[in-house]
Amino acid sequence: MRIGEWLVCRGVVTRRQLYQALLVRQAHGWRLGDVVVVLGYASRALVEEEARTFALRHEDKTDHRRRIERIASVAAMLRTS
């Protein structure tokens, strides 16, 4: 899941607002959160809080995947020993 979808799922922005923000982001190269704030769709505090929550959840999944990959790697090494 990407941060834009996260913001929609959390009710911070609508799909239409996300689409408009993505167009502005693409045209100007700004960060999505900054665009959402500048367009007045959400406060900076709310966007930052949601970004932190998103990052924590995403980080947890990434760490879990890495642990699984390490376990699989060790298991493969043991099988070839």
Protein backbone atom coordinates (compact mmCIF):
# COMPACT_ATOMS: atom_id res chain seq x y z
CA MET A 1 0.00 0.00 0.00
CA ARG A 2 1.22 3.50 -0.81
CA ILE A 3 0.78 6.57 1.36
CA GLY A 4 -1.93 8.01 -0.91
CA GLU A 5 -4.07 4.90 -0.60
CA TRP A 6 -3.43 4.94 3.14
CA LEU A 7 -4.75 8.52 3.36
CA VAL A 8 -7.89 7.50 1.46
CA CYS A 9 -8.46 4.42 3.63
CA ARG A 10 -8.02 6.50 6.77
CA GLY A 11 -10.54 9.08 5.53
CA VAL A 12 -8.02 11.91 5.36
CA VAL A 13 -8.71 12.56 1.66
CA THR A 14 -11.20 11.31 -0.90
CA ARG A 15 -10.16 9.41 -4.01
CA ARG A 16 -10.87 12.50 -6.09
CA GLN A 17 -8.70 14.64 -3.79
CA LEU A 18 -5.92 12.05 -3.98
CA TYR A 19 -6.08 12.08 -7.78
CA GLN A 20 -5.90 15.89 -7.86
CA ALA A 21 -3.03 15.90 -5.36
CA LEU A 22 -1.13 13.34 -7.44
CA LEU A 23 -1.50 15.52 -10.53
CA VAL A 24 -0.07 18.52 -8.66
CA ARG A 25 2.69 16.35 -7.22
CA GLN A 26 3.63 15.12 -10.66
CA ALA A 27 3.61 18.60 -12.16
CA HIS A 28 5.66 20.26 -9.42
CA GLY A 29 7.65 17.42 -7.85
CA TRP A 30 6.41 18.16 -4.33
CA ARG A 31 5.87 15.52 -1.68
CA LEU A 32 2.31 14.22 -1.59
CA GLY A 33 1.78 15.26 2.02
CA ASP A 34 2.81 18.83 1.22
CA VAL A 35 0.38 18.93 -1.70
CA VAL A 36 -2.49 17.64 0.46
CA VAL A 37 -1.79 20.42 2.97
CA VAL A 38 -1.35 23.20 0.38
CA LEU A 39 -4.60 22.22 -1.34
CA GLY A 40 -6.33 22.43 2.04
CA TYR A 41 -7.46 18.82 2.16
CA ALA A 42 -5.95 18.19 5.60
CA SER A 43 -3.86 19.89 8.25
CA ARG A 44 -0.11 19.39 8.37
CA ALA A 45 -0.42 17.84 11.83
CA LEU A 46 -2.90 15.21 10.58
CA VAL A 47 -0.84 14.39 7.48
CA GLU A 48 2.33 14.05 9.56
CA GLU A 49 0.61 11.80 12.11
CA GLU A 50 -0.78 9.56 9.36
CA ALA A 51 2.63 9.45 7.66
CA ARG A 52 4.25 8.31 10.92
CA THR A 53 1.62 5.63 11.44
CA PHE A 54 1.98 4.49 7.82
CA ALA A 55 5.77 4.33 8.14
CA LEU A 56 5.59 2.28 11.34
CA ARG A 57 3.20 -0.24 9.81
CA HIS A 58 5.19 -0.44 6.60
CA GLU A 59 8.45 -0.83 8.52
CA ASP A 60 6.99 -3.69 10.56
CA LYS A 61 6.06 -5.60 7.40
CA THR A 62 9.48 -4.96 5.86
CA ASP A 63 11.24 -6.19 9.00
CA HIS A 64 9.02 -9.29 9.08
CA ARG A 65 9.86 -10.06 5.43
CA ARG A 66 13.57 -9.68 6.14
CA ARG A 67 13.35 -12.08 9.09
CA ILE A 68 11.57 -14.65 6.94
CA GLU A 69 14.22 -14.27 4.22
CA ARG A 70 17.02 -14.75 6.77
CA ILE A 71 15.35 -17.86 8.19
CA ALA A 72 14.91 -19.27 4.68
CA SER A 73 18.55 -18.51 3.90
CA VAL A 74 19.76 -20.29 7.04
CA ALA A 75 17.49 -23.24 6.33
CA ALA A 76 18.89 -23.49 2.78
CA MET A 77 22.45 -23.40 4.13
CA LEU A 78 21.65 -26.17 6.61
CA ARG A 79 20.15 -28.33 3.88
CA THR A 80 23.30 -28.06 1.77
CA SER A 81 25.64 -28.78 4.71
